[in-house]
Every structure is written in C-alpha cells, then in structure tokens.
Amino acid sequence: MKDATVSARVEYSIKNEAEEILRQIGVPVSVVINSLYRQIIFQGGIPFPLTLPSSPRTLDGMAPEEVDAMLSSSYAQSLTGKGKPFGEAFDELEAGLS
C-alpha cells in the first residue's frame, strides 16, 4: 500500500528534462523513485557509485576517430532538431563560468 510522500527540491531544468524523458518512455516519476528506493534497500546503499568526476576530456586526449564520431553524432542530432541552438548552448556555458 502506497501511503507515504517523498518531497525533494531539485533544479527546475533537471526536473523538466528528466520528466520529459520519463514521459517519452511512459514511466511515471513515482515508479522511478519507488524503484530507486527498492534498489537502495536491496543493495544496502546507493545503487551506483558516487565519485568525483575525472577531468574533462579535451580534443588533445582523443583519437581522431573519437572526434569524428562525436562530430558526426552532433551533426545528426542537429539535422533531427535535437540538442540546443548554438547561441543558447554558449549562453549556458558562459553563465556556468560566472
């Protein structure tokens, strides 16, 4: 019997992006939260590693094939209308630097 409520404050954009993905695959948010809680119980902890991110990869550290694959993927996304407009992406990057 489901008789408890979970409340958490999250970033608006993160919430919307995640909920849109869940909507597209037809999974209610409550099912995801319930599943996460069940996995925490089953695993006896958080069911994925919490680690510090490694340094971001730069073009200097990538093989030419990796760069080509990333550019091809980005180009394909742009053709299908996925992703963000150039200006919007850079505005977000600049906002994150300040």
PDB file of N, CA and C in Angstrom:
ATOM      1  N   MET A   1       0.828  -1.168   0.000  1.00  0.00           N
ATOM      2  CA  MET A   1       0.000   0.000   0.000  1.00  0.00           C
ATOM      3  C   MET A   1       0.886   1.250   0.000  1.00  0.00           C
ATOM      4  N   LYS A   2       0.673   2.114  -0.951  1.00  0.00           N
ATOM      5  CA  LYS A   2       1.458   3.335  -1.061  1.00  0.00           C
ATOM      6  C   LYS A   2       0.786   4.423  -0.232  1.00  0.00           C
ATOM      7  N   ASP A   3       1.426   4.772   0.885  1.00  0.00           N
ATOM      8  CA  ASP A   3       0.818   5.756   1.768  1.00  0.00           C
ATOM      9  C   ASP A   3       1.813   6.781   2.306  1.00  0.00           C
ATOM     10  N   ALA A   4       2.956   6.944   1.634  1.00  0.00           N
ATOM     11  CA  ALA A   4       3.954   7.924   2.048  1.00  0.00           C
ATOM     12  C   ALA A   4       4.281   8.842   0.875  1.00  0.00           C
ATOM     13  N   THR A   5       4.674  10.063   1.206  1.00  0.00           N
ATOM     14  CA  THR A   5       5.029  11.050   0.190  1.00  0.00           C
ATOM     15  C   THR A   5       6.498  11.410   0.337  1.00  0.00           C
ATOM     16  N   VAL A   6       7.182  11.549  -0.786  1.00  0.00           N
ATOM     17  CA  VAL A   6       8.576  11.986  -0.806  1.00  0.00           C
ATOM     18  C   VAL A   6       8.601  13.376  -1.424  1.00  0.00           C
ATOM     19  N   SER A   7       9.319  14.283  -0.787  1.00  0.00           N
ATOM     20  CA  SER A   7       9.424  15.642  -1.303  1.00  0.00           C
ATOM     21  C   SER A   7      10.894  16.019  -1.365  1.00  0.00           C
ATOM     22  N   ALA A   8      11.317  16.556  -2.482  1.00  0.00           N
ATOM     23  CA  ALA A   8      12.712  16.962  -2.648  1.00  0.00           C
ATOM     24  C   ALA A   8      12.777  18.184  -3.553  1.00  0.00           C
ATOM     25  N   ARG A   9      13.717  19.072  -3.267  1.00  0.00           N
ATOM     26  CA  ARG A   9      13.915  20.243  -4.112  1.00  0.00           C
ATOM     27  C   ARG A   9      15.040  19.918  -5.093  1.00  0.00           C
ATOM     28  N   VAL A  10      14.762  20.136  -6.372  1.00  0.00           N
ATOM     29  CA  VAL A  10      15.744  19.881  -7.422  1.00  0.00           C
ATOM     30  C   VAL A  10      15.761  21.068  -8.374  1.00  0.00           C
ATOM     31  N   GLU A  11      16.801  21.129  -9.190  1.00  0.00           N
ATOM     32  CA  GLU A  11      16.882  22.193 -10.182  1.00  0.00           C
ATOM     33  C   GLU A  11      15.745  22.029 -11.187  1.00  0.00           C
ATOM     34  N   TYR A  12      15.108  23.141 -11.513  1.00  0.00           N
ATOM     35  CA  TYR A  12      13.947  23.142 -12.406  1.00  0.00           C
ATOM     36  C   TYR A  12      14.264  22.475 -13.746  1.00  0.00           C
ATOM     37  N   SER A  13      15.395  22.864 -14.356  1.00  0.00           N
ATOM     38  CA  SER A  13      15.722  22.326 -15.684  1.00  0.00           C
ATOM     39  C   SER A  13      16.016  20.834 -15.636  1.00  0.00           C
ATOM     40  N   ILE A  14      16.656  20.385 -14.561  1.00  0.00           N
ATOM     41  CA  ILE A  14      16.953  18.955 -14.410  1.00  0.00           C
ATOM     42  C   ILE A  14      15.651  18.172 -14.269  1.00  0.00           C
ATOM     43  N   LYS A  15      14.746  18.681 -13.436  1.00  0.00           N
ATOM     44  CA  LYS A  15      13.446  18.036 -13.240  1.00  0.00           C
ATOM     45  C   LYS A  15      12.704  17.918 -14.557  1.00  0.00           C
ATOM     46  N   ASN A  16      12.628  19.026 -15.293  1.00  0.00           N
ATOM     47  CA  ASN A  16      11.879  19.014 -16.551  1.00  0.00           C
ATOM     48  C   ASN A  16      12.498  18.078 -17.579  1.00  0.00           C
ATOM     49  N   GLU A  17      13.817  18.093 -17.685  1.00  0.00           N
ATOM     50  CA  GLU A  17      14.483  17.231 -18.664  1.00  0.00           C
ATOM     51  C   GLU A  17      14.271  15.756 -18.327  1.00  0.00           C
ATOM     52  N   ALA A  18      14.425  15.412 -17.057  1.00  0.00           N
ATOM     53  CA  ALA A  18      14.238  14.018 -16.647  1.00  0.00           C
ATOM     54  C   ALA A  18      12.784  13.586 -16.831  1.00  0.00           C
ATOM     55  N   GLU A  19      11.843  14.446 -16.436  1.00  0.00           N
ATOM     56  CA  GLU A  19      10.433  14.077 -16.566  1.00  0.00           C
ATOM     57  C   GLU A  19      10.001  13.960 -18.021  1.00  0.00           C
ATOM     58  N   GLU A  20      10.594  14.746 -18.899  1.00  0.00           N
ATOM     59  CA  GLU A  20      10.270  14.620 -20.323  1.00  0.00           C
ATOM     60  C   GLU A  20      10.747  13.267 -20.861  1.00  0.00           C
ATOM     61  N   ILE A  21      11.934  12.854 -20.454  1.00  0.00           N
ATOM     62  CA  ILE A  21      12.443  11.543 -20.880  1.00  0.00           C
ATOM     63  C   ILE A  21      11.532  10.440 -20.345  1.00  0.00           C
ATOM     64  N   LEU A  22      11.159  10.537 -19.073  1.00  0.00           N
ATOM     65  CA  LEU A  22      10.267   9.535 -18.493  1.00  0.00           C
ATOM     66  C   LEU A  22       8.921   9.519 -19.205  1.00  0.00           C
ATOM     67  N   ARG A  23       8.411  10.701 -19.553  1.00  0.00           N
ATOM     68  CA  ARG A  23       7.139  10.775 -20.280  1.00  0.00           C
ATOM     69  C   ARG A  23       7.251  10.061 -21.624  1.00  0.00           C
ATOM     70  N   GLN A  24       8.362  10.280 -22.317  1.00  0.00           N
ATOM     71  CA  GLN A  24       8.557   9.665 -23.629  1.00  0.00           C
ATOM     72  C   GLN A  24       8.612   8.151 -23.546  1.00  0.00           C
ATOM     73  N   ILE A  25       9.179   7.632 -22.466  1.00  0.00           N
ATOM     74  CA  ILE A  25       9.256   6.174 -22.348  1.00  0.00           C
ATOM     75  C   ILE A  25       8.081   5.588 -21.561  1.00  0.00           C
ATOM     76  N   GLY A  26       7.198   6.472 -21.091  1.00  0.00           N
ATOM     77  CA  GLY A  26       5.974   6.012 -20.449  1.00  0.00           C
ATOM     78  C   GLY A  26       6.132   5.497 -19.038  1.00  0.00           C
ATOM     79  N   VAL A  27       7.085   6.058 -18.289  1.00  0.00           N
ATOM     80  CA  VAL A  27       7.309   5.621 -16.920  1.00  0.00           C
ATOM     81  C   VAL A  27       7.010   6.783 -15.972  1.00  0.00           C
ATOM     82  N   PRO A  28       6.069   6.604 -15.046  1.00  0.00           N
ATOM     83  CA  PRO A  28       5.774   7.668 -14.089  1.00  0.00           C
ATOM     84  C   PRO A  28       6.942   7.928 -13.139  1.00  0.00           C
ATOM     85  N   VAL A  29       7.089   9.173 -12.707  1.00  0.00           N
ATOM     86  CA  VAL A  29       8.155   9.551 -11.779  1.00  0.00           C
ATOM     87  C   VAL A  29       8.070   8.703 -10.509  1.00  0.00           C
ATOM     88  N   SER A  30       6.868   8.464 -10.020  1.00  0.00           N
ATOM     89  CA  SER A  30       6.711   7.695  -8.781  1.00  0.00           C
ATOM     90  C   SER A  30       7.281   6.280  -8.922  1.00  0.00           C
ATOM     91  N   VAL A  31       7.171   5.695 -10.095  1.00  0.00           N
ATOM     92  CA  VAL A  31       7.719   4.355 -10.321  1.00  0.00           C
ATOM     93  C   VAL A  31       9.249   4.391 -10.239  1.00  0.00           C
ATOM     94  N   VAL A  32       9.845   5.436 -10.797  1.00  0.00           N
ATOM     95  CA  VAL A  32      11.310   5.560 -10.762  1.00  0.00           C
ATOM     96  C   VAL A  32      11.784   5.746  -9.319  1.00  0.00           C
ATOM     97  N   ILE A  33      11.118   6.606  -8.566  1.00  0.00           N
ATOM     98  CA  ILE A  33      11.510   6.845  -7.174  1.00  0.00           C
ATOM     99  C   ILE A  33      11.330   5.573  -6.348  1.00  0.00           C
ATOM    100  N   ASN A  34      10.212   4.901  -6.518  1.00  0.00           N
ATOM    101  CA  ASN A  34       9.975   3.648  -5.801  1.00  0.00           C
ATOM    102  C   ASN A  34      11.046   2.611  -6.159  1.00  0.00           C
ATOM    103  N   SER A  35      11.400   2.523  -7.427  1.00  0.00           N
ATOM    104  CA  SER A  35      12.427   1.577  -7.866  1.00  0.00           C
ATOM    105  C   SER A  35      13.787   1.924  -7.267  1.00  0.00           C
ATOM    106  N   LEU A  36      14.106   3.215  -7.220  1.00  0.00           N
ATOM    107  CA  LEU A  36      15.369   3.640  -6.619  1.00  0.00           C
ATOM    108  C   LEU A  36      15.406   3.247  -5.146  1.00  0.00           C
ATOM    109  N   TYR A  37      14.334   3.514  -4.421  1.00  0.00           N
ATOM    110  CA  TYR A  37      14.289   3.158  -3.008  1.00  0.00           C
ATOM    111  C   TYR A  37      14.439   1.644  -2.811  1.00  0.00           C
ATOM    112  N   ARG A  38      13.784   0.865  -3.664  1.00  0.00           N
ATOM    113  CA  ARG A  38      13.901  -0.592  -3.561  1.00  0.00           C
ATOM    114  C   ARG A  38      15.343  -1.051  -3.819  1.00  0.00           C
ATOM    115  N   GLN A  39      16.009  -0.423  -4.784  1.00  0.00           N
ATOM    116  CA  GLN A  39      17.400  -0.782  -5.066  1.00  0.00           C
ATOM    117  C   GLN A  39      18.324  -0.386  -3.917  1.00  0.00           C
ATOM    118  N   ILE A  40      18.041   0.745  -3.267  1.00  0.00           N
ATOM    119  CA  ILE A  40      18.829   1.146  -2.099  1.00  0.00           C
ATOM    120  C   ILE A  40      18.706   0.085  -1.006  1.00  0.00           C
ATOM    121  N   ILE A  41      17.489  -0.399  -0.796  1.00  0.00           N
ATOM    122  CA  ILE A  41      17.272  -1.456   0.199  1.00  0.00           C
ATOM    123  C   ILE A  41      17.989  -2.734  -0.230  1.00  0.00           C
ATOM    124  N   PHE A  42      17.815  -3.138  -1.483  1.00  0.00           N
ATOM    125  CA  PHE A  42      18.410  -4.376  -1.996  1.00  0.00           C
ATOM    126  C   PHE A  42      19.935  -4.326  -1.948  1.00  0.00           C
ATOM    127  N   GLN A  43      20.516  -3.194  -2.351  1.00  0.00           N
ATOM    128  CA  GLN A  43      21.974  -3.058  -2.410  1.00  0.00           C
ATOM    129  C   GLN A  43      22.578  -2.723  -1.042  1.00  0.00           C
ATOM    130  N   GLY A  44      21.744  -2.251  -0.133  1.00  0.00           N
ATOM    131  CA  GLY A  44      22.275  -1.822   1.153  1.00  0.00           C
ATOM    132  C   GLY A  44      23.005  -0.494   1.042  1.00  0.00           C
ATOM    133  N   GLY A  45      22.645   0.291   0.047  1.00  0.00           N
ATOM    134  CA  GLY A  45      23.281   1.595  -0.185  1.00  0.00           C
ATOM    135  C   GLY A  45      22.844   2.142  -1.521  1.00  0.00           C
ATOM    136  N   ILE A  46      23.483   3.201  -1.935  1.00  0.00           N
ATOM    137  CA  ILE A  46      23.144   3.817  -3.221  1.00  0.00           C
ATOM    138  C   ILE A  46      23.575   2.875  -4.336  1.00  0.00           C
ATOM    139  N   PRO A  47      22.688   2.588  -5.300  1.00  0.00           N
ATOM    140  CA  PRO A  47      22.962   1.555  -6.295  1.00  0.00           C
ATOM    141  C   PRO A  47      23.840   1.997  -7.472  1.00  0.00           C
ATOM    142  N   PHE A  48      24.584   3.057  -7.286  1.00  0.00           N
ATOM    143  CA  PHE A  48      25.537   3.489  -8.306  1.00  0.00           C
ATOM    144  C   PHE A  48      26.660   4.222  -7.595  1.00  0.00           C
ATOM    145  N   PRO A  49      27.844   4.264  -8.192  1.00  0.00           N
ATOM    146  CA  PRO A  49      28.970   4.896  -7.497  1.00  0.00           C
ATOM    147  C   PRO A  49      28.827   6.414  -7.430  1.00  0.00           C
ATOM    148  N   LEU A  50      29.205   6.968  -6.307  1.00  0.00           N
ATOM    149  CA  LEU A  50      29.276   8.416  -6.147  1.00  0.00           C
ATOM    150  C   LEU A  50      30.757   8.767  -6.066  1.00  0.00           C
ATOM    151  N   THR A  51      31.269   9.276  -7.150  1.00  0.00           N
ATOM    152  CA  THR A  51      32.688   9.587  -7.224  1.00  0.00           C
ATOM    153  C   THR A  51      32.886  10.985  -7.787  1.00  0.00           C
ATOM    154  N   LEU A  52      34.049  11.528  -7.545  1.00  0.00           N
ATOM    155  CA  LEU A  52      34.374  12.809  -8.150  1.00  0.00           C
ATOM    156  C   LEU A  52      34.584  12.604  -9.641  1.00  0.00           C
ATOM    157  N   PRO A  53      34.076  13.513 -10.455  1.00  0.00           N
ATOM    158  CA  PRO A  53      34.281  13.354 -11.894  1.00  0.00           C
ATOM    159  C   PRO A  53      35.746  13.541 -12.243  1.00  0.00           C
ATOM    160  N   SER A  54      36.168  12.815 -13.244  1.00  0.00           N
ATOM    161  CA  SER A  54      37.539  12.996 -13.723  1.00  0.00           C
ATOM    162  C   SER A  54      37.606  14.302 -14.514  1.00  0.00           C
ATOM    163  N   SER A  55      38.784  14.709 -14.803  1.00  0.00           N
ATOM    164  CA  SER A  55      38.953  15.927 -15.590  1.00  0.00           C
ATOM    165  C   SER A  55      38.272  15.758 -16.940  1.00  0.00           C
ATOM    166  N   PRO A  56      37.666  16.816 -17.440  1.00  0.00           N
ATOM    167  CA  PRO A  56      37.017  16.693 -18.747  1.00  0.00           C
ATOM    168  C   PRO A  56      38.033  16.341 -19.831  1.00  0.00           C
ATOM    169  N   ARG A  57      37.600  15.533 -20.759  1.00  0.00           N
ATOM    170  CA  ARG A  57      38.483  15.160 -21.873  1.00  0.00           C
ATOM    171  C   ARG A  57      38.555  16.312 -22.858  1.00  0.00           C
ATOM    172  N   THR A  58      39.720  16.526 -23.388  1.00  0.00           N
ATOM    173  CA  THR A  58      39.905  17.558 -24.408  1.00  0.00           C
ATOM    174  C   THR A  58      40.216  16.887 -25.729  1.00  0.00           C
ATOM    175  N   LEU A  59      40.156  17.655 -26.781  1.00  0.00           N
ATOM    176  CA  LEU A  59      40.472  17.115 -28.111  1.00  0.00           C
ATOM    177  C   LEU A  59      41.879  16.540 -28.162  1.00  0.00           C
ATOM    178  N   ASP A  60      42.790  17.138 -27.401  1.00  0.00           N
ATOM    179  CA  ASP A  60      44.168  16.640 -27.394  1.00  0.00           C
ATOM    180  C   ASP A  60      44.266  15.207 -26.882  1.00  0.00           C
ATOM    181  N   GLY A  61      43.317  14.812 -26.018  1.00  0.00           N
ATOM    182  CA  GLY A  61      43.353  13.477 -25.442  1.00  0.00           C
ATOM    183  C   GLY A  61      42.512  12.456 -26.179  1.00  0.00           C
ATOM    184  N   MET A  62      41.958  12.834 -27.334  1.00  0.00           N
ATOM    185  CA  MET A  62      41.088  11.932 -28.084  1.00  0.00           C
ATOM    186  C   MET A  62      41.747  11.502 -29.394  1.00  0.00           C
ATOM    187  N   ALA A  63      41.435  10.278 -29.774  1.00  0.00           N
ATOM    188  CA  ALA A  63      41.882   9.796 -31.079  1.00  0.00           C
ATOM    189  C   ALA A  63      41.039  10.483 -32.155  1.00  0.00           C
ATOM    190  N   PRO A  64      41.591  10.668 -33.339  1.00  0.00           N
ATOM    191  CA  PRO A  64      40.830  11.312 -34.417  1.00  0.00           C
ATOM    192  C   PRO A  64      39.483  10.629 -34.685  1.00  0.00           C
ATOM    193  N   GLU A  65      39.433   9.295 -34.527  1.00  0.00           N
ATOM    194  CA  GLU A  65      38.187   8.567 -34.752  1.00  0.00           C
ATOM    195  C   GLU A  65      37.120   8.964 -33.727  1.00  0.00           C
ATOM    196  N   GLU A  66      37.553   9.211 -32.473  1.00  0.00           N
ATOM    197  CA  GLU A  66      36.604   9.627 -31.436  1.00  0.00           C
ATOM    198  C   GLU A  66      36.033  11.012 -31.742  1.00  0.00           C
ATOM    199  N   VAL A  67      36.897  11.910 -32.182  1.00  0.00           N
ATOM    200  CA  VAL A  67      36.450  13.257 -32.525  1.00  0.00           C
ATOM    201  C   VAL A  67      35.469  13.194 -33.689  1.00  0.00           C
ATOM    202  N   ASP A  68      35.811  12.404 -34.715  1.00  0.00           N
ATOM    203  CA  ASP A  68      34.915  12.256 -35.860  1.00  0.00           C
ATOM    204  C   ASP A  68      33.562  11.690 -35.446  1.00  0.00           C
ATOM    205  N   ALA A  69      33.568  10.697 -34.549  1.00  0.00           N
ATOM    206  CA  ALA A  69      32.313  10.089 -34.091  1.00  0.00           C
ATOM    207  C   ALA A  69      31.471  11.106 -33.325  1.00  0.00           C
ATOM    208  N   MET A  70      32.109  11.901 -32.467  1.00  0.00           N
ATOM    209  CA  MET A  70      31.369  12.916 -31.707  1.00  0.00           C
ATOM    210  C   MET A  70      30.778  13.969 -32.641  1.00  0.00           C
ATOM    211  N   LEU A  71      31.566  14.421 -33.608  1.00  0.00           N
ATOM    212  CA  LEU A  71      31.068  15.434 -34.542  1.00  0.00           C
ATOM    213  C   LEU A  71      29.947  14.875 -35.412  1.00  0.00           C
ATOM    214  N   SER A  72      30.076  13.637 -35.844  1.00  0.00           N
ATOM    215  CA  SER A  72      29.030  13.017 -36.657  1.00  0.00           C
ATOM    216  C   SER A  72      27.735  12.885 -35.873  1.00  0.00           C
ATOM    217  N   SER A  73      27.856  12.476 -34.612  1.00  0.00           N
ATOM    218  CA  SER A  73      26.679  12.344 -33.757  1.00  0.00           C
ATOM    219  C   SER A  73      26.009  13.701 -33.545  1.00  0.00           C
ATOM    220  N   SER A  74      26.801  14.719 -33.287  1.00  0.00           N
ATOM    221  CA  SER A  74      26.251  16.060 -33.082  1.00  0.00           C
ATOM    222  C   SER A  74      25.573  16.574 -34.343  1.00  0.00           C
ATOM    223  N   TYR A  75      26.185  16.320 -35.469  1.00  0.00           N
ATOM    224  CA  TYR A  75      25.607  16.759 -36.737  1.00  0.00           C
ATOM    225  C   TYR A  75      24.268  16.060 -36.990  1.00  0.00           C
ATOM    226  N   ALA A  76      24.226  14.760 -36.723  1.00  0.00           N
ATOM    227  CA  ALA A  76      22.981  14.006 -36.909  1.00  0.00           C
ATOM    228  C   ALA A  76      21.892  14.539 -35.984  1.00  0.00           C
ATOM    229  N   GLN A  77      22.245  14.880 -34.747  1.00  0.00           N
ATOM    230  CA  GLN A  77      21.265  15.448 -33.819  1.00  0.00           C
ATOM    231  C   GLN A  77      20.736  16.774 -34.342  1.00  0.00           C
ATOM    232  N   SER A  78      21.621  17.587 -34.884  1.00  0.00           N
ATOM    233  CA  SER A  78      21.182  18.898 -35.380  1.00  0.00           C
ATOM    234  C   SER A  78      20.218  18.746 -36.556  1.00  0.00           C
ATOM    235  N   LEU A  79      20.429  17.745 -37.383  1.00  0.00           N
ATOM    236  CA  LEU A  79      19.553  17.522 -38.534  1.00  0.00           C
ATOM    237  C   LEU A  79      18.151  17.096 -38.108  1.00  0.00           C
ATOM    238  N   THR A  80      18.058  16.412 -36.966  1.00  0.00           N
ATOM    239  CA  THR A  80      16.756  15.944 -36.485  1.00  0.00           C
ATOM    240  C   THR A  80      16.112  16.922 -35.506  1.00  0.00           C
ATOM    241  N   GLY A  81      16.762  18.058 -35.261  1.00  0.00           N
ATOM    242  CA  GLY A  81      16.206  19.062 -34.365  1.00  0.00           C
ATOM    243  C   GLY A  81      16.443  18.792 -32.892  1.00  0.00           C
ATOM    244  N   LYS A  82      17.269  17.807 -32.582  1.00  0.00           N
ATOM    245  CA  LYS A  82      17.588  17.527 -31.181  1.00  0.00           C
ATOM    246  C   LYS A  82      18.748  18.430 -30.770  1.00  0.00           C
ATOM    247  N   GLY A  83      18.931  18.581 -29.488  1.00  0.00           N
ATOM    248  CA  GLY A  83      20.011  19.421 -28.999  1.00  0.00           C
ATOM    249  C   GLY A  83      19.537  20.853 -28.803  1.00  0.00           C
ATOM    250  N   LYS A  84      20.499  21.758 -28.661  1.00  0.00           N
ATOM    251  CA  LYS A  84      20.194  23.164 -28.388  1.00  0.00           C
ATOM    252  C   LYS A  84      20.780  24.028 -29.484  1.00  0.00           C
ATOM    253  N   PRO A  85      20.146  25.156 -29.722  1.00  0.00           N
ATOM    254  CA  PRO A  85      20.734  26.107 -30.669  1.00  0.00           C
ATOM    255  C   PRO A  85      22.097  26.576 -30.162  1.00  0.00           C
ATOM    256  N   PHE A  86      22.974  26.870 -31.077  1.00  0.00           N
ATOM    257  CA  PHE A  86      24.347  27.265 -30.792  1.00  0.00           C
ATOM    258  C   PHE A  86      24.417  28.368 -29.745  1.00  0.00           C
ATOM    259  N   GLY A  87      23.689  29.447 -29.953  1.00  0.00           N
ATOM    260  CA  GLY A  87      23.722  30.583 -29.038  1.00  0.00           C
ATOM    261  C   GLY A  87      23.267  30.220 -27.643  1.00  0.00           C
ATOM    262  N   GLU A  88      22.220  29.415 -27.551  1.00  0.00           N
ATOM    263  CA  GLU A  88      21.697  29.003 -26.245  1.00  0.00           C
ATOM    264  C   GLU A  88      22.717  28.157 -25.485  1.00  0.00           C
ATOM    265  N   ALA A  89      23.377  27.249 -26.197  1.00  0.00           N
ATOM    266  CA  ALA A  89      24.378  26.395 -25.554  1.00  0.00           C
ATOM    267  C   ALA A  89      25.526  27.231 -25.003  1.00  0.00           C
ATOM    268  N   PHE A  90      26.004  28.197 -25.778  1.00  0.00           N
ATOM    269  CA  PHE A  90      27.113  29.026 -25.301  1.00  0.00           C
ATOM    270  C   PHE A  90      26.676  29.977 -24.194  1.00  0.00           C
ATOM    271  N   ASP A  91      25.434  30.454 -24.240  1.00  0.00           N
ATOM    272  CA  ASP A  91      24.929  31.287 -23.140  1.00  0.00           C
ATOM    273  C   ASP A  91      24.945  30.502 -21.833  1.00  0.00           C
ATOM    274  N   GLU A  92      24.542  29.239 -21.885  1.00  0.00           N
ATOM    275  CA  GLU A  92      24.543  28.397 -20.690  1.00  0.00           C
ATOM    276  C   GLU A  92      25.962  28.130 -20.195  1.00  0.00           C
ATOM    277  N   LEU A  93      26.882  27.894 -21.134  1.00  0.00           N
ATOM    278  CA  LEU A  93      28.273  27.687 -20.741  1.00  0.00           C
ATOM    279  C   LEU A  93      28.836  28.924 -20.054  1.00  0.00           C
ATOM    280  N   GLU A  94      28.583  30.078 -20.641  1.00  0.00           N
ATOM    281  CA  GLU A  94      29.087  31.332 -20.052  1.00  0.00           C
ATOM    282  C   GLU A  94      28.462  31.589 -18.694  1.00  0.00           C
ATOM    283  N   ALA A  95      27.196  31.300 -18.537  1.00  0.00           N
ATOM    284  CA  ALA A  95      26.520  31.505 -17.248  1.00  0.00           C
ATOM    285  C   ALA A  95      27.136  30.606 -16.179  1.00  0.00           C
ATOM    286  N   GLY A  96      27.555  29.421 -16.564  1.00  0.00           N
ATOM    287  CA  GLY A  96      28.165  28.491 -15.623  1.00  0.00           C
ATOM    288  C   GLY A  96      29.562  28.908 -15.195  1.00  0.00           C
ATOM    289  N   LEU A  97      30.191  29.778 -15.954  1.00  0.00           N
ATOM    290  CA  LEU A  97      31.537  30.228 -15.624  1.00  0.00           C
ATOM    291  C   LEU A  97      31.550  31.397 -14.651  1.00  0.00           C
ATOM    292  N   SER A  98      30.428  32.071 -14.534  1.00  0.00           N
ATOM    293  CA  SER A  98      30.407  33.255 -13.669  1.00  0.00           C
ATOM    294  C   SER A  98      29.976  32.945 -12.262  1.00  0.00           C
TER     295      SER A  98
END
